[in-house]
Amino acid sequence: MTKFTKREILDVILRNNTVESGMHYIFAKLNYAEKDIDDEGKKRLRALISSLRSKRNSKFQVARRILSKFEKCNAEWLDSEFKIDSCQLISEKSAQQLVSPAHACPGPGRPSLAFQNKSDRPKRRDASAISAELKHDPHHLLHASRYAARHSGNVDLSTILNKVVQNSEQNQQKSENCWTPLKFYSDEKPRRRLLHTF
């Protein structure tokens, strides 16, 4: 992540005598194009740089406008970091298009957890969303789980799911065979089943 010192930004804006020069310098260092920055982001950055310049001017007045005295008394302040939240500068549309992890900005709120680290309720919510996406088809979900286990390298789970899939297919076939009606030929009469009591 690119960091700026107050001295660095002040040198740029005092050399060119404009706040915009500091903004352009920051955009160039962060590899942002002008179009990536929304108006709100530009306004925030302009306010930050203007505030920095005002603080510098008041400190310069305290040093009686003597540059050597000003730099000696404020060396620590000048070399401290000029903090910019680059995530607040770029527009949402541009943030989605930027691929570099250096530009990745966390979204608002808490960071999302991995599925295995979530509590039961969020796990159920996620599972319900996935199930709804697959139209609540258990066979589809089972095959997808088996593929995911194999793809992630979890061989034991993949083997277990494979057996479950095979057993469910066999059980489904057996249940279909149980409910298939018996066909009688035209010359054959239906027989009554005898009930034996022991």
C-alpha atoms as a PDB file:
ATOM      1  CA  MET A   1       0.000   0.000   0.000  1.00  0.00           C
ATOM      2  CA  THR A   2       1.333   3.415  -1.000  1.00  0.00           C
ATOM      3  CA  LYS A   3       2.031   5.790   1.885  1.00  0.00           C
ATOM      4  CA  PHE A   4       2.597   9.522   1.711  1.00  0.00           C
ATOM      5  CA  THR A   5       4.343  11.866   4.116  1.00  0.00           C
ATOM      6  CA  LYS A   6       3.038  15.342   4.850  1.00  0.00           C
ATOM      7  CA  ARG A   7       6.361  16.761   3.639  1.00  0.00           C
ATOM      8  CA  GLU A   8       5.988  14.998   0.282  1.00  0.00           C
ATOM      9  CA  ILE A   9       2.480  16.360  -0.334  1.00  0.00           C
ATOM     10  CA  LEU A  10       3.376  19.853   0.888  1.00  0.00           C
ATOM     11  CA  ASP A  11       6.418  19.981  -1.428  1.00  0.00           C
ATOM     12  CA  VAL A  12       4.189  19.221  -4.422  1.00  0.00           C
ATOM     13  CA  ILE A  13       1.441  21.717  -3.596  1.00  0.00           C
ATOM     14  CA  LEU A  14       3.863  24.504  -2.614  1.00  0.00           C
ATOM     15  CA  ARG A  15       5.972  23.991  -5.744  1.00  0.00           C
ATOM     16  CA  ASN A  16       2.901  24.293  -8.017  1.00  0.00           C
ATOM     17  CA  ASN A  17       0.892  26.525  -5.651  1.00  0.00           C
ATOM     18  CA  THR A  18      -2.331  24.523  -6.172  1.00  0.00           C
ATOM     19  CA  VAL A  19      -4.204  21.896  -4.195  1.00  0.00           C
ATOM     20  CA  GLU A  20      -5.078  20.132  -7.483  1.00  0.00           C
ATOM     21  CA  SER A  21      -1.388  19.393  -8.115  1.00  0.00           C
ATOM     22  CA  GLY A  22      -1.325  17.444  -4.843  1.00  0.00           C
ATOM     23  CA  MET A  23      -4.450  15.567  -5.908  1.00  0.00           C
ATOM     24  CA  HIS A  24      -2.943  14.651  -9.293  1.00  0.00           C
ATOM     25  CA  TYR A  25       0.267  13.533  -7.581  1.00  0.00           C
ATOM     26  CA  ILE A  26      -1.688  11.231  -5.243  1.00  0.00           C
ATOM     27  CA  PHE A  27      -3.780   9.813  -8.114  1.00  0.00           C
ATOM     28  CA  ALA A  28      -0.617   9.071 -10.090  1.00  0.00           C
ATOM     29  CA  LYS A  29       1.084   7.355  -7.133  1.00  0.00           C
ATOM     30  CA  LEU A  30      -2.025   5.223  -6.457  1.00  0.00           C
ATOM     31  CA  ASN A  31      -2.320   4.357 -10.182  1.00  0.00           C
ATOM     32  CA  TYR A  32      -5.841   5.802 -10.357  1.00  0.00           C
ATOM     33  CA  ALA A  33      -7.172   7.436 -13.469  1.00  0.00           C
ATOM     34  CA  GLU A  34      -9.106  10.681 -13.039  1.00  0.00           C
ATOM     35  CA  LYS A  35     -12.294   8.899 -14.172  1.00  0.00           C
ATOM     36  CA  ASP A  36     -11.934   6.307 -11.370  1.00  0.00           C
ATOM     37  CA  ILE A  37     -12.464   8.979  -8.721  1.00  0.00           C
ATOM     38  CA  ASP A  38     -16.019  10.100  -8.070  1.00  0.00           C
ATOM     39  CA  ASP A  39     -16.872  13.722  -7.256  1.00  0.00           C
ATOM     40  CA  GLU A  40     -17.355  12.939  -3.572  1.00  0.00           C
ATOM     41  CA  GLY A  41     -13.883  11.362  -3.418  1.00  0.00           C
ATOM     42  CA  LYS A  42     -12.298  14.394  -5.087  1.00  0.00           C
ATOM     43  CA  LYS A  43     -14.078  16.690  -2.644  1.00  0.00           C
ATOM     44  CA  ARG A  44     -12.812  14.673   0.349  1.00  0.00           C
ATOM     45  CA  LEU A  45      -9.224  14.628  -0.938  1.00  0.00           C
ATOM     46  CA  ARG A  46      -9.301  18.354  -1.723  1.00  0.00           C
ATOM     47  CA  ALA A  47     -10.513  19.029   1.838  1.00  0.00           C
ATOM     48  CA  LEU A  48      -7.726  16.847   3.312  1.00  0.00           C
ATOM     49  CA  ILE A  49      -5.015  18.607   1.299  1.00  0.00           C
ATOM     50  CA  SER A  50      -6.470  22.067   2.063  1.00  0.00           C
ATOM     51  CA  SER A  51      -6.524  21.202   5.764  1.00  0.00           C
ATOM     52  CA  LEU A  52      -2.889  20.065   5.567  1.00  0.00           C
ATOM     53  CA  ARG A  53      -1.899  23.313   3.849  1.00  0.00           C
ATOM     54  CA  SER A  54      -3.746  25.377   6.496  1.00  0.00           C
ATOM     55  CA  LYS A  55      -1.986  23.540   9.326  1.00  0.00           C
ATOM     56  CA  ARG A  56       1.349  24.058   7.595  1.00  0.00           C
ATOM     57  CA  ASN A  57       0.660  27.782   7.189  1.00  0.00           C
ATOM     58  CA  SER A  58      -0.265  28.208  10.858  1.00  0.00           C
ATOM     59  CA  LYS A  59       2.866  26.298  11.960  1.00  0.00           C
ATOM     60  CA  PHE A  60       4.916  28.409   9.531  1.00  0.00           C
ATOM     61  CA  GLN A  61       3.484  31.576  11.134  1.00  0.00           C
ATOM     62  CA  VAL A  62       4.444  30.276  14.610  1.00  0.00           C
ATOM     63  CA  ALA A  63       8.014  29.787  13.294  1.00  0.00           C
ATOM     64  CA  ARG A  64       7.914  33.494  12.255  1.00  0.00           C
ATOM     65  CA  ARG A  65       8.010  32.476   8.579  1.00  0.00           C
ATOM     66  CA  ILE A  66      11.611  31.240   8.888  1.00  0.00           C
ATOM     67  CA  LEU A  67      11.855  28.060   6.849  1.00  0.00           C
ATOM     68  CA  SER A  68      14.836  26.536   8.714  1.00  0.00           C
ATOM     69  CA  LYS A  69      13.159  27.127  12.094  1.00  0.00           C
ATOM     70  CA  PHE A  70       9.845  25.742  10.791  1.00  0.00           C
ATOM     71  CA  GLU A  71      11.495  22.544   9.474  1.00  0.00           C
ATOM     72  CA  LYS A  72      13.530  22.066  12.661  1.00  0.00           C
ATOM     73  CA  CYS A  73      10.525  22.487  14.990  1.00  0.00           C
ATOM     74  CA  ASN A  74       8.137  20.438  12.845  1.00  0.00           C
ATOM     75  CA  ALA A  75      10.419  17.713  11.458  1.00  0.00           C
ATOM     76  CA  GLU A  76       8.473  14.929  13.160  1.00  0.00           C
ATOM     77  CA  TRP A  77       5.124  16.297  11.973  1.00  0.00           C
ATOM     78  CA  LEU A  78       6.404  16.757   8.407  1.00  0.00           C
ATOM     79  CA  ASP A  79       7.732  13.189   8.243  1.00  0.00           C
ATOM     80  CA  SER A  80       4.552  11.666   9.678  1.00  0.00           C
ATOM     81  CA  GLU A  81       2.135   9.868   7.384  1.00  0.00           C
ATOM     82  CA  PHE A  82      -0.468  11.793   5.423  1.00  0.00           C
ATOM     83  CA  LYS A  83      -3.366   9.378   5.839  1.00  0.00           C
ATOM     84  CA  ILE A  84      -5.634   8.831   2.871  1.00  0.00           C
ATOM     85  CA  ASP A  85      -8.371   6.219   2.778  1.00  0.00           C
ATOM     86  CA  SER A  86      -8.019   5.224  -0.871  1.00  0.00           C
ATOM     87  CA  CYS A  87     -11.219   3.164  -0.603  1.00  0.00           C
ATOM     88  CA  GLN A  88     -13.223   6.356  -0.087  1.00  0.00           C
ATOM     89  CA  LEU A  89     -11.732   8.006  -3.161  1.00  0.00           C
ATOM     90  CA  ILE A  90     -12.780   5.633  -5.916  1.00  0.00           C
ATOM     91  CA  SER A  91     -16.335   5.161  -7.113  1.00  0.00           C
ATOM     92  CA  GLU A  92     -18.068   1.805  -6.527  1.00  0.00           C
ATOM     93  CA  LYS A  93     -18.184   1.056 -10.261  1.00  0.00           C
ATOM     94  CA  SER A  94     -14.445   1.629 -10.621  1.00  0.00           C
ATOM     95  CA  ALA A  95     -13.718  -0.387  -7.470  1.00  0.00           C
ATOM     96  CA  GLN A  96     -15.405  -3.406  -9.034  1.00  0.00           C
ATOM     97  CA  GLN A  97     -13.373  -3.021 -12.226  1.00  0.00           C
ATOM     98  CA  LEU A  98     -10.003  -2.671 -10.481  1.00  0.00           C
ATOM     99  CA  VAL A  99      -8.440  -6.125 -10.377  1.00  0.00           C
ATOM    100  CA  SER A 100      -5.288  -5.473  -8.398  1.00  0.00           C
ATOM    101  CA  PRO A 101      -5.392  -6.706  -4.776  1.00  0.00           C
ATOM    102  CA  ALA A 102      -3.624  -3.493  -3.779  1.00  0.00           C
ATOM    103  CA  HIS A 103      -6.812  -1.646  -4.707  1.00  0.00           C
ATOM    104  CA  ALA A 104      -9.129  -4.087  -2.932  1.00  0.00           C
ATOM    105  CA  CYS A 105     -11.317  -2.275  -0.449  1.00  0.00           C
ATOM    106  CA  PRO A 106     -13.254  -3.969   2.299  1.00  0.00           C
ATOM    107  CA  GLY A 107     -16.990  -3.456   2.149  1.00  0.00           C
ATOM    108  CA  PRO A 108     -18.986  -1.853   4.919  1.00  0.00           C
ATOM    109  CA  GLY A 109     -19.747  -3.864   8.037  1.00  0.00           C
ATOM    110  CA  ARG A 110     -18.060  -6.930   9.429  1.00  0.00           C
ATOM    111  CA  PRO A 111     -15.774  -8.996   7.208  1.00  0.00           C
ATOM    112  CA  SER A 112     -17.385 -12.218   5.996  1.00  0.00           C
ATOM    113  CA  LEU A 113     -16.288 -15.480   7.610  1.00  0.00           C
ATOM    114  CA  ALA A 114     -15.479 -18.774   5.961  1.00  0.00           C
ATOM    115  CA  PHE A 115     -18.451 -21.179   5.971  1.00  0.00           C
ATOM    116  CA  GLN A 116     -16.881 -23.554   8.509  1.00  0.00           C
ATOM    117  CA  ASN A 117     -16.251 -20.656  10.933  1.00  0.00           C
ATOM    118  CA  LYS A 118     -19.867 -19.449  10.904  1.00  0.00           C
ATOM    119  CA  SER A 119     -22.418 -20.355  13.565  1.00  0.00           C
ATOM    120  CA  ASP A 120     -25.407 -22.601  12.817  1.00  0.00           C
ATOM    121  CA  ARG A 121     -27.846 -19.904  11.784  1.00  0.00           C
ATOM    122  CA  PRO A 122     -25.694 -18.318   9.028  1.00  0.00           C
ATOM    123  CA  LYS A 123     -24.746 -21.820   7.845  1.00  0.00           C
ATOM    124  CA  ARG A 124     -28.428 -22.713   7.511  1.00  0.00           C
ATOM    125  CA  ARG A 125     -29.108 -19.429   5.721  1.00  0.00           C
ATOM    126  CA  ASP A 126     -26.277 -20.031   3.229  1.00  0.00           C
ATOM    127  CA  ALA A 127     -27.320 -23.658   2.701  1.00  0.00           C
ATOM    128  CA  SER A 128     -30.917 -22.562   2.143  1.00  0.00           C
ATOM    129  CA  ALA A 129     -29.811 -19.994  -0.455  1.00  0.00           C
ATOM    130  CA  ILE A 130     -27.746 -22.604  -2.321  1.00  0.00           C
ATOM    131  CA  SER A 131     -30.611 -25.088  -2.137  1.00  0.00           C
ATOM    132  CA  ALA A 132     -33.045 -22.498  -3.517  1.00  0.00           C
ATOM    133  CA  GLU A 133     -30.610 -21.742  -6.327  1.00  0.00           C
ATOM    134  CA  LEU A 134     -30.700 -25.428  -7.312  1.00  0.00           C
ATOM    135  CA  LYS A 135     -34.515 -25.539  -6.952  1.00  0.00           C
ATOM    136  CA  HIS A 136     -34.280 -27.713  -3.819  1.00  0.00           C
ATOM    137  CA  ASP A 137     -33.330 -30.808  -5.848  1.00  0.00           C
ATOM    138  CA  PRO A 138     -31.607 -33.181  -3.366  1.00  0.00           C
ATOM    139  CA  HIS A 139     -29.968 -35.291  -6.092  1.00  0.00           C
ATOM    140  CA  HIS A 140     -28.479 -32.202  -7.706  1.00  0.00           C
ATOM    141  CA  LEU A 141     -27.208 -30.990  -4.328  1.00  0.00           C
ATOM    142  CA  LEU A 142     -25.752 -34.403  -3.485  1.00  0.00           C
ATOM    143  CA  HIS A 143     -23.866 -34.642  -6.780  1.00  0.00           C
ATOM    144  CA  ALA A 144     -22.641 -31.047  -6.381  1.00  0.00           C
ATOM    145  CA  SER A 145     -21.419 -31.846  -2.847  1.00  0.00           C
ATOM    146  CA  ARG A 146     -19.602 -34.922  -4.083  1.00  0.00           C
ATOM    147  CA  TYR A 147     -17.896 -32.940  -6.848  1.00  0.00           C
ATOM    148  CA  ALA A 148     -16.953 -30.121  -4.438  1.00  0.00           C
ATOM    149  CA  ALA A 149     -15.442 -32.606  -1.965  1.00  0.00           C
ATOM    150  CA  ARG A 150     -13.384 -34.243  -4.705  1.00  0.00           C
ATOM    151  CA  HIS A 151     -12.321 -30.883  -6.146  1.00  0.00           C
ATOM    152  CA  SER A 152     -11.200 -29.548  -2.736  1.00  0.00           C
ATOM    153  CA  GLY A 153      -9.121 -32.679  -2.079  1.00  0.00           C
ATOM    154  CA  ASN A 154     -11.306 -34.083   0.715  1.00  0.00           C
ATOM    155  CA  VAL A 155     -11.073 -37.713  -0.446  1.00  0.00           C
ATOM    156  CA  ASP A 156     -12.800 -39.274   2.578  1.00  0.00           C
ATOM    157  CA  LEU A 157     -15.862 -37.077   2.253  1.00  0.00           C
ATOM    158  CA  SER A 158     -15.960 -37.660  -1.496  1.00  0.00           C
ATOM    159  CA  THR A 159     -15.930 -41.455  -0.936  1.00  0.00           C
ATOM    160  CA  ILE A 160     -18.741 -41.249   1.625  1.00  0.00           C
ATOM    161  CA  LEU A 161     -20.850 -39.038  -0.637  1.00  0.00           C
ATOM    162  CA  ASN A 162     -20.175 -41.389  -3.550  1.00  0.00           C
ATOM    163  CA  LYS A 163     -21.573 -44.298  -1.507  1.00  0.00           C
ATOM    164  CA  VAL A 164     -24.581 -42.214  -0.488  1.00  0.00           C
ATOM    165  CA  VAL A 165     -25.264 -41.336  -4.136  1.00  0.00           C
ATOM    166  CA  GLN A 166     -25.000 -44.985  -5.212  1.00  0.00           C
ATOM    167  CA  ASN A 167     -27.206 -46.160  -2.323  1.00  0.00           C
ATOM    168  CA  SER A 168     -29.810 -43.474  -3.012  1.00  0.00           C
ATOM    169  CA  GLU A 169     -29.939 -44.448  -6.701  1.00  0.00           C
ATOM    170  CA  GLN A 170     -30.306 -48.147  -5.786  1.00  0.00           C
ATOM    171  CA  ASN A 171     -32.982 -47.379  -3.182  1.00  0.00           C
ATOM    172  CA  GLN A 172     -34.844 -45.209  -5.662  1.00  0.00           C
ATOM    173  CA  GLN A 173     -34.806 -48.059  -8.196  1.00  0.00           C
ATOM    174  CA  LYS A 174     -36.027 -50.533  -5.561  1.00  0.00           C
ATOM    175  CA  SER A 175     -38.848 -48.240  -4.510  1.00  0.00           C
ATOM    176  CA  GLU A 176     -39.882 -47.755  -8.130  1.00  0.00           C
ATOM    177  CA  ASN A 177     -39.913 -51.553  -8.601  1.00  0.00           C
ATOM    178  CA  CYS A 178     -42.087 -51.985  -5.498  1.00  0.00           C
ATOM    179  CA  TRP A 179     -44.770 -49.709  -6.772  1.00  0.00           C
ATOM    180  CA  THR A 180     -44.862 -51.032 -10.327  1.00  0.00           C
ATOM    181  CA  PRO A 181     -48.256 -52.714 -10.793  1.00  0.00           C
ATOM    182  CA  LEU A 182     -48.303 -56.370 -11.814  1.00  0.00           C
ATOM    183  CA  LYS A 183     -49.457 -56.928 -15.353  1.00  0.00           C
ATOM    184  CA  PHE A 184     -51.897 -59.703 -16.073  1.00  0.00           C
ATOM    185  CA  TYR A 185     -52.336 -61.392 -19.389  1.00  0.00           C
ATOM    186  CA  SER A 186     -55.791 -61.526 -20.920  1.00  0.00           C
ATOM    187  CA  ASP A 187     -56.282 -65.233 -20.191  1.00  0.00           C
ATOM    188  CA  GLU A 188     -55.054 -64.920 -16.619  1.00  0.00           C
ATOM    189  CA  LYS A 189     -57.355 -63.996 -13.759  1.00  0.00           C
ATOM    190  CA  PRO A 190     -56.199 -61.877 -10.934  1.00  0.00           C
ATOM    191  CA  ARG A 191     -55.522 -63.963  -7.888  1.00  0.00           C
ATOM    192  CA  ARG A 192     -56.428 -63.036  -4.396  1.00  0.00           C
ATOM    193  CA  ARG A 193     -53.675 -62.941  -1.900  1.00  0.00           C
ATOM    194  CA  LEU A 194     -54.284 -65.362   0.916  1.00  0.00           C
ATOM    195  CA  LEU A 195     -53.830 -64.059   4.377  1.00  0.00           C
ATOM    196  CA  HIS A 196     -52.321 -66.626   6.662  1.00  0.00           C
ATOM    197  CA  THR A 197     -52.873 -66.401  10.363  1.00  0.00           C
ATOM    198  CA  PHE A 198     -50.501 -68.291  12.528  1.00  0.00           C
END
